[in-house]
Amino acid sequence: MNASAVRQVSSDVSKTVVDAAADLASKAQEGAAVALAGARATADEVGTRLPGIASAGAEGAAESVRRLQELSDPRLQLLIAFSLGVGAGLWMAGAPRLVTLAALSPALVVGVAIASRKQGDQGRSHRR
């Protein structure tokens, strides 16, 4: 094989590599465009559903607080003590913070229910 033949083979390989790279780049560009279109569609759908989801969550939280307000004080104190105990135990055991906060969240919700119930009772007594 002489130098001219080597150059010819090298040129053919270079053209093949360049063509393959160009084909790969165009396919990647098409894939990115499809992915972007899918992301836009998903974002639009989330945007239209998010207000409904948020209002349903707020309604559910308000209903939970209302039901907790109807419970007796000893039962609410028991719920708070249990939640604080589990949270403290998880914290001392070295559980992840998110898990510990999740265990403490019922105490927070019950505290809000007790505070709002007492404010409601004070508001009623001032109206009389």
Protein backbone atom coordinates (compact mmCIF):
# COMPACT_ATOMS: atom_id res chain seq x y z
CA MET A 1 0.00 0.00 0.00
CA ASN A 2 1.50 3.31 -1.05
CA ALA A 3 1.10 6.77 0.52
CA SER A 4 -1.62 7.76 -1.93
CA ALA A 5 -3.75 4.75 -1.01
CA VAL A 6 -3.28 5.44 2.69
CA ARG A 7 -4.42 9.04 2.18
CA GLN A 8 -7.46 7.85 0.25
CA VAL A 9 -8.45 5.36 2.99
CA SER A 10 -7.84 7.99 5.65
CA SER A 11 -10.00 10.46 3.75
CA ASP A 12 -12.80 7.90 3.38
CA VAL A 13 -12.66 7.08 7.12
CA SER A 14 -12.70 10.77 8.01
CA LYS A 15 -15.74 11.35 5.81
CA THR A 16 -17.50 8.36 7.38
CA VAL A 17 -16.72 9.60 10.90
CA VAL A 18 -17.85 13.14 10.07
CA ASP A 19 -21.05 11.83 8.47
CA ALA A 20 -21.76 9.61 11.49
CA ALA A 21 -21.13 12.51 13.88
CA ALA A 22 -23.41 14.81 11.86
CA ASP A 23 -26.13 12.14 11.83
CA LEU A 24 -25.76 11.64 15.58
CA ALA A 25 -25.90 15.39 16.19
CA SER A 26 -29.07 15.77 14.12
CA LYS A 27 -30.74 12.87 15.98
CA ALA A 28 -29.73 14.42 19.31
CA GLN A 29 -31.19 17.74 18.20
CA GLU A 30 -34.46 16.05 17.19
CA GLY A 31 -34.57 14.21 20.52
CA ALA A 32 -33.99 17.44 22.43
CA ALA A 33 -36.81 19.14 20.51
CA VAL A 34 -39.18 16.26 21.32
CA ALA A 35 -38.15 16.32 25.00
CA LEU A 36 -38.67 20.09 25.16
CA ALA A 37 -42.12 19.78 23.60
CA GLY A 38 -43.02 17.08 26.13
CA ALA A 39 -41.76 19.24 29.00
CA ARG A 40 -43.83 22.18 27.77
CA ALA A 41 -46.96 20.03 27.56
CA THR A 42 -46.37 18.69 31.06
CA ALA A 43 -45.75 22.18 32.43
CA ASP A 44 -48.96 23.43 30.83
CA GLU A 45 -50.93 20.55 32.33
CA VAL A 46 -49.42 21.10 35.77
CA GLY A 47 -50.15 24.81 35.49
CA THR A 48 -53.81 24.17 34.77
CA ARG A 49 -54.20 21.56 37.54
CA LEU A 50 -52.15 23.25 40.28
CA PRO A 51 -54.82 25.70 41.49
CA GLY A 52 -57.30 22.85 41.93
CA ILE A 53 -54.77 20.74 43.77
CA ALA A 54 -53.83 23.64 46.04
CA SER A 55 -57.44 24.45 46.90
CA ALA A 56 -58.19 20.78 47.59
CA GLY A 57 -55.18 20.63 49.90
CA ALA A 58 -56.26 23.77 51.72
CA GLU A 59 -59.80 22.43 52.11
CA GLY A 60 -58.46 19.14 53.45
CA ALA A 61 -56.23 20.91 55.96
CA ALA A 62 -59.10 23.12 57.13
CA GLU A 63 -61.32 20.06 57.55
CA SER A 64 -58.60 18.29 59.54
CA VAL A 65 -58.19 21.26 61.87
CA ARG A 66 -61.98 21.52 62.29
CA ARG A 67 -62.20 17.83 63.25
CA LEU A 68 -59.30 18.15 65.66
CA GLN A 69 -61.01 21.12 67.31
CA GLU A 70 -63.93 18.85 68.15
CA LEU A 71 -61.75 16.42 70.14
CA SER A 72 -61.39 16.73 73.91
CA ASP A 73 -58.33 18.40 75.45
CA PRO A 74 -56.93 15.20 77.03
CA ARG A 75 -57.09 13.41 73.69
CA LEU A 76 -55.35 16.31 71.93
CA GLN A 77 -52.69 16.42 74.65
CA LEU A 78 -52.13 12.69 74.16
CA LEU A 79 -51.69 13.20 70.41
CA ILE A 80 -49.19 16.00 71.01
CA ALA A 81 -47.25 13.98 73.59
CA PHE A 82 -47.09 10.95 71.30
CA SER A 83 -45.92 13.02 68.34
CA LEU A 84 -43.29 14.83 70.39
CA GLY A 85 -42.10 11.54 71.89
CA VAL A 86 -41.73 9.85 68.52
CA GLY A 87 -39.99 12.92 67.09
CA ALA A 88 -37.58 13.17 70.02
CA GLY A 89 -36.83 9.45 69.82
CA LEU A 90 -36.11 9.66 66.11
CA TRP A 91 -33.92 12.73 66.63
CA MET A 92 -31.90 11.00 69.38
CA ALA A 93 -31.58 7.88 67.24
CA GLY A 94 -30.10 9.97 64.44
CA ALA A 95 -32.93 9.59 61.96
CA PRO A 96 -32.93 11.88 58.91
CA ARG A 97 -34.29 15.35 59.56
CA LEU A 98 -37.16 14.94 57.14
CA VAL A 99 -38.38 11.82 58.96
CA THR A 100 -38.09 13.59 62.32
CA LEU A 101 -40.03 16.59 61.02
CA ALA A 102 -42.70 14.28 59.63
CA ALA A 103 -43.06 12.69 63.08
CA LEU A 104 -43.36 16.12 64.70
CA SER A 105 -45.88 17.52 62.20
CA PRO A 106 -48.98 16.10 63.97
CA ALA A 107 -47.96 18.01 67.11
CA LEU A 108 -47.84 21.19 65.06
CA VAL A 109 -51.24 20.57 63.47
CA VAL A 110 -52.84 19.75 66.83
CA GLY A 111 -51.25 22.87 68.31
CA VAL A 112 -52.78 24.97 65.54
CA ALA A 113 -56.16 23.34 66.17
CA ILE A 114 -55.97 24.08 69.92
CA ALA A 115 -54.84 27.66 69.35
CA SER A 116 -57.53 28.36 66.78
CA ARG A 117 -60.18 26.75 68.97
CA LYS A 118 -59.22 28.93 71.93
CA GLN A 119 -59.23 32.04 69.74
CA GLY A 120 -62.67 31.07 68.49
CA ASP A 121 -63.90 30.57 72.06
CA GLN A 122 -62.53 33.98 73.11
CA GLY A 123 -64.17 35.59 70.09
CA ARG A 124 -67.54 34.08 71.06
CA SER A 125 -67.25 35.26 74.67
CA HIS A 126 -66.50 38.82 73.58
CA ARG A 127 -69.56 38.88 71.34
CA ARG A 128 -71.96 38.06 74.17
